[in-house]
C-alpha cells in the first residue's frame, strides 16, 4: 500500500512478475477491497497464485518510525513482515516509509547472531557492471566493528547474487592512503584487513562508479548522502541532455540519428533497473523499493527479493558471521 503511487504500481508489477516466474506466488498485503478491485479481470491462472491478506492500516510516507511501530500494528508493512517471521512468506517487499520499514523489520525479525545492526545495501551501476554499497541510511553512525560486519554482509550478498568468489571489499574514505580518515575509519580498516575478507583498502567516492571494488563499506550518513548525490547528478545530466537535444531542428535530427545509442545508454543507467535495496543482517529477507518508482522499478525490487531467497543470502551471511566470531574468540584466547 506504500509508495508515492501505491496499488497502481505495485499490483501491475506483481502481475508481470508472476508472468515471468511460473514457480512464484505472491501475497498482496493491504486493503482487501482495494486489492480485489485492482485484480479484477486478470488471468484466472495468475489469480490462483495470488493471495490477498487484509491489513486495516497504512503507514504514511512521512510518519515517524517509532509512532508507526507503536500505533500501526495492523499496517500493511507490519503484516507483511509478520508473514516472513511466521514462514508464510519467504520475503517482504515494500515501497513504503523506509524508516518505519526498517524499525518494524528489526523489531519483528531481529538480527542474525553476531550482527549488531542491519544495514541497507544496494547494487549501483559501474563501468565494470555493479558495485554493492552499504550502509545507505540505516545507521547514521557506525562503529569499526559494525563496519566490519557490513563488509561481511556485502561480500556474501555479492557472492550469492553474482556468483563472484571472494569479492573485493573497499572502505569508503577521503583518500586511499592508510593515514587518511577518522580514528574510527582507521580502526575499521585494521579490522577489515585482519579478517578473511578480500580487503582492497580505502576507496574514494569515484571508485563506486569506476568499479574499483565489488563492495564499498561506509556508515549510513555518508552512504545516504553519496546515494542521493548520485541520483541528483543523474537527474541533472538527463535534464541537460534533453535540453540540448531539443534546442533546434538540427539537434533534434541528430537526436533521431543517435536514438539507438541514447536508448542503450538509458538502459545502462536506468535507476529502475537497480531498484531494490536489501535490509541485510535480519533473520528474514526484506527489500525496500524506491517510493517514487514505476511498475518496472517495483518489478526489479521483487526480482531482488526472489534472487536473495533462491541463493540463501541469509544462511550464507549467518555462516560467515559465525565463522568470523569463532576466529575472533580464537585470536583472543591465543593473545591471553
Protein backbone atom coordinates (compact mmCIF):
# COMPACT_ATOMS: atom_id res chain seq x y z
CA UNK A 1 0.00 0.00 0.00
CA UNK A 2 3.02 2.29 0.33
CA UNK A 3 4.96 4.40 -2.14
CA UNK A 4 4.06 7.57 -3.98
CA UNK A 5 1.52 5.81 -6.23
CA UNK A 6 0.55 2.66 -4.35
CA UNK A 7 -1.60 -0.04 -5.95
CA UNK A 8 -1.43 1.44 -9.46
CA UNK A 9 2.26 0.46 -9.45
CA UNK A 10 2.58 -2.46 -7.05
CA UNK A 11 -0.26 -4.61 -8.42
CA UNK A 12 0.66 -4.40 -12.17
CA UNK A 13 4.30 -5.05 -11.23
CA UNK A 14 3.25 -8.10 -9.21
CA UNK A 15 1.20 -9.49 -12.09
CA UNK A 16 4.10 -9.02 -14.51
CA UNK A 17 6.43 -10.72 -12.03
CA UNK A 18 4.14 -13.76 -11.84
CA UNK A 19 4.02 -13.96 -15.64
CA UNK A 20 7.82 -14.03 -15.72
CA UNK A 21 8.15 -16.68 -12.98
CA UNK A 22 5.77 -19.61 -13.18
CA UNK A 23 7.14 -21.07 -9.92
CA UNK A 24 6.37 -17.98 -7.84
CA UNK A 25 3.33 -16.94 -5.84
CA UNK A 26 2.63 -13.65 -4.06
CA UNK A 27 0.80 -12.42 -1.00
CA UNK A 28 -0.54 -8.90 -1.58
CA UNK A 29 -0.95 -7.21 1.78
CA UNK A 30 -3.26 -4.24 2.27
CA UNK A 31 -6.86 -3.15 1.97
CA UNK A 32 -8.56 -6.28 0.60
CA UNK A 33 -11.39 -4.40 -1.13
CA UNK A 34 -8.96 -2.12 -2.95
CA UNK A 35 -6.70 -5.04 -3.89
CA UNK A 36 -9.57 -7.15 -5.18
CA UNK A 37 -10.71 -4.23 -7.32
CA UNK A 38 -7.23 -3.89 -8.86
CA UNK A 39 -7.13 -7.64 -9.55
CA UNK A 40 -10.44 -7.71 -11.38
CA UNK A 41 -10.20 -9.23 -14.84
CA UNK A 42 -6.73 -10.78 -14.61
CA UNK A 43 -5.95 -14.25 -15.93
CA UNK A 44 -7.58 -16.82 -13.56
CA UNK A 45 -4.40 -18.91 -13.65
CA UNK A 46 -2.43 -15.95 -12.31
CA UNK A 47 -5.13 -15.11 -9.77
CA UNK A 48 -4.73 -18.55 -8.24
CA UNK A 49 -1.14 -17.70 -7.40
CA UNK A 50 -2.11 -14.51 -5.59
CA UNK A 51 -3.32 -14.42 -2.02
CA UNK A 52 -4.82 -11.23 -0.63
CA UNK A 53 -4.02 -10.61 3.03
CA UNK A 54 -6.10 -7.85 4.58
CA UNK A 55 -4.42 -5.11 6.62
CA UNK A 56 -6.55 -2.34 8.09
CA UNK A 57 -3.83 0.31 8.41
CA UNK A 58 -1.28 2.05 6.20
CA UNK A 59 1.93 3.77 7.34
CA UNK A 60 2.13 7.26 5.87
CA UNK A 61 5.29 8.13 3.95
CA UNK A 62 6.18 10.92 6.41
CA UNK A 63 5.13 9.10 9.60
CA UNK A 64 7.68 8.81 12.41
CA UNK A 65 9.06 5.24 12.56
CA UNK A 66 8.52 4.81 16.30
CA UNK A 67 4.93 6.02 16.07
CA UNK A 68 4.25 3.65 13.20
CA UNK A 69 5.77 0.79 15.19
CA UNK A 70 3.64 1.61 18.23
CA UNK A 71 0.33 2.62 16.66
CA UNK A 72 0.16 0.75 13.34
CA UNK A 73 0.34 -2.91 14.37
CA UNK A 74 -2.04 -3.89 11.57
CA UNK A 75 -0.31 -1.86 8.88
CA UNK A 76 0.39 -3.48 5.53
CA UNK A 77 4.16 -3.45 6.14
CA UNK A 78 3.82 -4.90 9.68
CA UNK A 79 1.53 -7.69 8.47
CA UNK A 80 3.86 -8.45 5.55
CA UNK A 81 6.89 -8.72 7.84
CA UNK A 82 4.89 -10.89 10.27
CA UNK A 83 4.27 -13.28 7.36
CA UNK A 84 8.03 -13.56 6.85
CA UNK A 85 8.57 -14.26 10.56
CA UNK A 86 5.89 -16.98 10.59
CA UNK A 87 7.31 -18.60 7.47
CA UNK A 88 4.18 -17.97 5.39
CA UNK A 89 6.27 -15.78 3.09
CA UNK A 90 9.94 -16.01 2.17
CA UNK A 91 10.49 -12.28 1.68
CA UNK A 92 8.77 -8.92 2.10
CA UNK A 93 8.94 -6.12 -0.46
CA UNK A 94 7.69 -2.61 0.25
CA UNK A 95 7.79 0.82 -1.38
CA UNK A 96 6.67 2.49 1.83
CA UNK A 97 8.27 4.59 4.55
CA UNK A 98 11.93 3.48 4.78
CA UNK A 99 12.43 4.35 8.45
CA UNK A 100 9.21 2.64 9.51
CA UNK A 101 10.02 -0.42 7.41
CA UNK A 102 13.47 -0.75 8.97
CA UNK A 103 12.20 -0.19 12.52
CA UNK A 104 9.40 -2.72 12.04
CA UNK A 105 11.61 -5.31 10.37
CA UNK A 106 14.25 -5.05 13.08
CA UNK A 107 11.65 -5.29 15.86
CA UNK A 108 9.79 -8.26 14.35
CA UNK A 109 12.56 -10.28 12.72
CA UNK A 110 15.54 -9.41 14.95
CA UNK A 111 19.14 -9.55 13.74
CA UNK A 112 21.33 -12.52 12.88
CA UNK A 113 23.56 -13.55 15.84
CA UNK A 114 26.77 -11.55 15.65
CA UNK A 115 25.21 -8.64 13.76
CA UNK A 116 24.73 -5.51 15.87
CA UNK A 117 22.66 -3.53 13.38
CA UNK A 118 21.11 -4.24 9.98
CA UNK A 119 22.36 -2.24 7.00
CA UNK A 120 20.77 -1.08 3.77
CA UNK A 121 22.65 -2.43 0.75
CA UNK A 122 22.14 -1.66 -2.91
CA UNK A 123 23.76 -2.63 -6.19
CA UNK A 124 24.92 0.51 -8.02
CA UNK A 125 25.82 0.68 -11.74
CA UNK A 126 29.53 0.93 -12.53
CA UNK A 127 31.69 0.80 -15.63
CA UNK A 128 32.53 -2.80 -14.75
CA UNK A 129 28.95 -3.87 -14.01
CA UNK A 130 27.73 -3.17 -10.49
CA UNK A 131 29.11 -2.17 -7.11
CA UNK A 132 27.39 -3.11 -3.87
CA UNK A 133 27.32 -0.24 -1.40
CA UNK A 134 26.30 -0.32 2.27
CA UNK A 135 25.16 1.17 4.58
CA UNK A 136 22.87 3.60 2.75
CA UNK A 137 20.98 5.11 5.65
CA UNK A 138 20.03 2.63 8.36
CA UNK A 139 22.80 3.72 10.73
CA UNK A 140 23.87 7.35 10.93
CA UNK A 141 26.97 6.44 12.91
CA UNK A 142 28.71 3.06 12.87
CA UNK A 143 31.49 1.58 14.98
CA UNK A 144 34.55 -0.09 13.41
CA UNK A 145 33.15 -3.49 14.40
CA UNK A 146 29.86 -2.71 12.66
CA UNK A 147 31.68 -1.61 9.51
CA UNK A 148 33.41 -5.00 9.53
CA UNK A 149 30.00 -6.65 9.80
CA UNK A 150 28.79 -4.58 6.84
CA UNK A 151 31.78 -5.80 4.85
CA UNK A 152 30.94 -9.42 5.60
CA UNK A 153 27.27 -8.98 4.68
CA UNK A 154 28.04 -7.09 1.47
CA UNK A 155 30.61 -9.66 0.43
CA UNK A 156 28.15 -12.51 0.92
CA UNK A 157 25.39 -10.66 -0.94
CA UNK A 158 27.60 -10.13 -4.00
CA UNK A 159 28.95 -13.67 -3.80
CA UNK A 160 25.42 -15.13 -3.73
CA UNK A 161 23.70 -12.91 -6.28
CA UNK A 162 26.52 -12.63 -8.81
CA UNK A 163 28.42 -15.87 -8.20
CA UNK A 164 31.64 -13.99 -7.53
CA UNK A 165 34.04 -15.94 -5.36
CA UNK A 166 35.88 -13.84 -2.78
CA UNK A 167 34.65 -10.39 -3.94
CA UNK A 168 36.83 -7.38 -3.20
CA UNK A 169 35.81 -5.04 -0.37
CA UNK A 170 36.76 -1.37 -0.05
CA UNK A 171 36.29 1.09 2.81
CA UNK A 172 34.96 4.49 1.74
CA UNK A 173 37.32 7.23 2.89
CA UNK A 174 38.53 10.70 1.97
CA UNK A 175 41.67 9.24 0.43
CA UNK A 176 43.23 5.91 -0.44
CA UNK A 177 46.17 6.35 1.94
CA UNK A 178 46.11 4.47 5.26
CA UNK A 179 46.76 7.67 7.21
CA UNK A 180 43.55 9.32 5.96
CA UNK A 181 40.21 9.39 7.77
CA UNK A 182 38.93 9.42 11.33
CA UNK A 183 40.24 7.14 14.05
CA UNK A 184 37.10 5.03 13.68
CA UNK A 185 37.73 4.56 9.96
CA UNK A 186 41.38 3.68 10.58
CA UNK A 187 40.34 1.08 13.15
CA UNK A 188 37.73 -0.32 10.75
CA UNK A 189 40.43 -0.68 8.10
CA UNK A 190 42.55 -2.66 10.57
CA UNK A 191 39.65 -5.00 11.34
CA UNK A 192 38.83 -5.49 7.67
CA UNK A 193 42.47 -6.11 6.84
CA UNK A 194 42.72 -8.70 9.62
CA UNK A 195 39.57 -10.52 8.55
CA UNK A 196 39.23 -13.24 5.94
CA UNK A 197 37.58 -10.79 3.54
CA UNK A 198 39.32 -9.84 0.30
CA UNK A 199 40.01 -6.32 1.58
CA UNK A 200 41.28 -3.95 -1.10
CA UNK A 201 41.87 -0.97 1.19
CA UNK A 202 40.48 2.56 1.26
CA UNK A 203 38.48 3.77 -1.72
CA UNK A 204 37.04 7.16 -2.63
CA UNK A 205 33.64 8.19 -3.92
CA UNK A 206 34.60 7.96 -7.59
CA UNK A 207 35.64 4.33 -7.09
CA UNK A 208 31.99 3.36 -6.59
CA UNK A 209 31.21 4.04 -10.26
CA UNK A 210 34.63 3.07 -11.60
CA UNK A 211 34.03 -0.43 -10.25
CA UNK A 212 37.33 -0.48 -8.37
CA UNK A 213 35.91 -2.97 -5.85
CA UNK A 214 32.87 -5.21 -5.67
CA UNK A 215 31.70 -3.93 -2.27
CA UNK A 216 32.02 -0.44 -0.76
CA UNK A 217 31.54 -0.14 3.01
CA UNK A 218 30.57 3.09 4.79
CA UNK A 219 28.30 4.35 7.56
CA UNK A 220 24.71 5.25 6.77
CA UNK A 221 25.17 9.01 6.89
CA UNK A 222 27.93 9.03 4.28
CA UNK A 223 26.26 6.32 2.20
CA UNK A 224 22.90 8.07 2.03
CA UNK A 225 24.47 11.39 1.04
CA UNK A 226 26.50 9.64 -1.67
CA UNK A 227 23.42 7.83 -2.98
CA UNK A 228 21.20 10.91 -3.11
CA UNK A 229 24.01 12.96 -4.69
CA UNK A 230 24.36 10.36 -7.43
CA UNK A 231 20.59 10.36 -8.03
CA UNK A 232 20.62 14.15 -8.30
CA UNK A 233 23.55 14.11 -10.70
CA UNK A 234 21.81 11.53 -12.91
CA UNK A 235 18.68 13.68 -12.99
CA UNK A 236 20.69 16.79 -13.91
CA UNK A 237 22.56 15.02 -16.73
CA UNK A 238 19.29 13.69 -18.16
CA UNK A 239 17.68 17.15 -17.99
CA UNK A 240 20.66 18.86 -19.65
CA UNK A 241 20.79 16.20 -22.36
CA UNK A 242 17.10 16.65 -23.18
CA UNK A 243 17.51 20.43 -23.33
CA UNK A 244 20.46 20.23 -25.71
CA UNK A 245 18.86 17.62 -27.98
CA UNK A 246 15.67 19.70 -28.27
CA UNK A 247 17.44 23.03 -28.76
CA UNK A 248 16.90 23.28 -32.56
CA UNK A 249 15.70 21.32 -35.57
CA UNK A 250 19.31 20.30 -36.25
CA UNK A 251 19.90 18.91 -32.74
CA UNK A 252 16.55 17.07 -32.94
CA UNK A 253 17.66 15.48 -36.20
CA UNK A 254 20.94 14.47 -34.57
CA UNK A 255 18.99 13.04 -31.64
CA UNK A 256 16.92 10.95 -34.01
CA UNK A 257 20.05 9.56 -35.66
CA UNK A 258 21.59 8.82 -32.24
CA UNK A 259 18.43 7.26 -30.82
CA UNK A 260 19.76 3.64 -30.70
CA UNK A 261 22.82 4.81 -28.76
CA UNK A 262 20.74 7.01 -26.45
CA UNK A 263 18.29 4.18 -25.77
CA UNK A 264 21.12 1.79 -24.90
CA UNK A 265 22.73 4.41 -22.67
CA UNK A 266 19.42 4.97 -20.87
CA UNK A 267 19.03 1.27 -20.20
CA UNK A 268 22.54 1.05 -18.71
CA UNK A 269 21.98 3.87 -16.22
CA UNK A 270 18.22 3.45 -15.68
CA UNK A 271 17.77 3.63 -11.89
CA UNK A 272 14.64 1.49 -12.12
CA UNK A 273 16.75 -1.48 -13.18
CA UNK A 274 18.77 -1.15 -9.97
CA UNK A 275 15.75 -0.65 -7.74
CA UNK A 276 15.53 -2.73 -4.60
CA UNK A 277 17.66 -2.11 -1.52
CA UNK A 278 18.29 -5.07 0.79
CA UNK A 279 17.96 -4.86 4.56
CA UNK A 280 20.92 -7.09 5.42
CA UNK A 281 21.54 -8.59 8.85
CA UNK A 282 17.93 -9.51 9.65
CA UNK A 283 16.61 -13.04 10.17
CA UNK A 284 14.36 -12.61 7.17
CA UNK A 285 14.54 -11.05 3.72
CA UNK A 286 13.18 -7.51 3.40
CA UNK A 287 13.66 -5.44 0.26
CA UNK A 288 12.88 -1.72 0.03
CA UNK A 289 11.71 -0.31 -3.27
CA UNK A 290 12.10 3.39 -4.03
CA UNK A 291 8.80 5.07 -3.19
CA UNK A 292 8.68 7.03 -6.43
CA UNK A 293 9.41 4.15 -8.80
CA UNK A 294 7.08 2.86 -11.51
CA UNK A 295 5.91 -0.63 -12.44
CA UNK A 296 9.25 -1.62 -13.95
CA UNK A 297 11.19 -0.46 -10.90
CA UNK A 298 8.95 -2.28 -8.44
CA UNK A 299 9.24 -5.44 -10.50
CA UNK A 300 13.02 -5.26 -10.17
CA UNK A 301 12.61 -4.98 -6.38
CA UNK A 302 10.57 -8.20 -6.50
CA UNK A 303 13.33 -9.79 -8.60
CA UNK A 304 15.88 -8.77 -5.97
CA UNK A 305 13.88 -10.48 -3.23
CA UNK A 306 13.45 -13.62 -5.32
CA UNK A 307 17.17 -13.91 -6.01
CA UNK A 308 18.01 -13.48 -2.32
CA UNK A 309 15.63 -16.31 -1.47
CA UNK A 310 16.97 -18.58 -4.22
CA UNK A 311 20.61 -18.01 -3.25
CA UNK A 312 20.00 -18.29 0.53
CA UNK A 313 21.69 -14.99 1.32
CA UNK A 314 20.66 -15.07 4.98
CA UNK A 315 22.14 -18.53 5.51
CA UNK A 316 25.43 -17.54 3.92
CA UNK A 317 25.66 -14.35 5.99
CA UNK A 318 24.88 -16.24 9.21
CA UNK A 319 27.56 -18.85 8.47
CA UNK A 320 30.19 -16.23 7.58
CA UNK A 321 29.47 -14.15 10.68
CA UNK A 322 29.59 -17.23 12.94
CA UNK A 323 32.93 -18.20 11.40
CA UNK A 324 34.27 -14.68 11.95
CA UNK A 325 33.19 -14.76 15.60
CA UNK A 326 34.96 -18.09 16.11
CA UNK A 327 38.15 -16.66 14.65
CA UNK A 328 37.96 -13.62 16.93
CA UNK A 329 37.47 -15.81 20.01
CA UNK A 330 40.40 -17.98 18.94
CA UNK A 331 42.61 -14.92 18.44
CA UNK A 332 41.64 -13.52 21.84
CA UNK A 333 42.38 -16.86 23.51
CA UNK A 334 45.80 -17.05 21.85
CA UNK A 335 46.57 -13.47 22.88
CA UNK A 336 45.75 -14.29 26.51
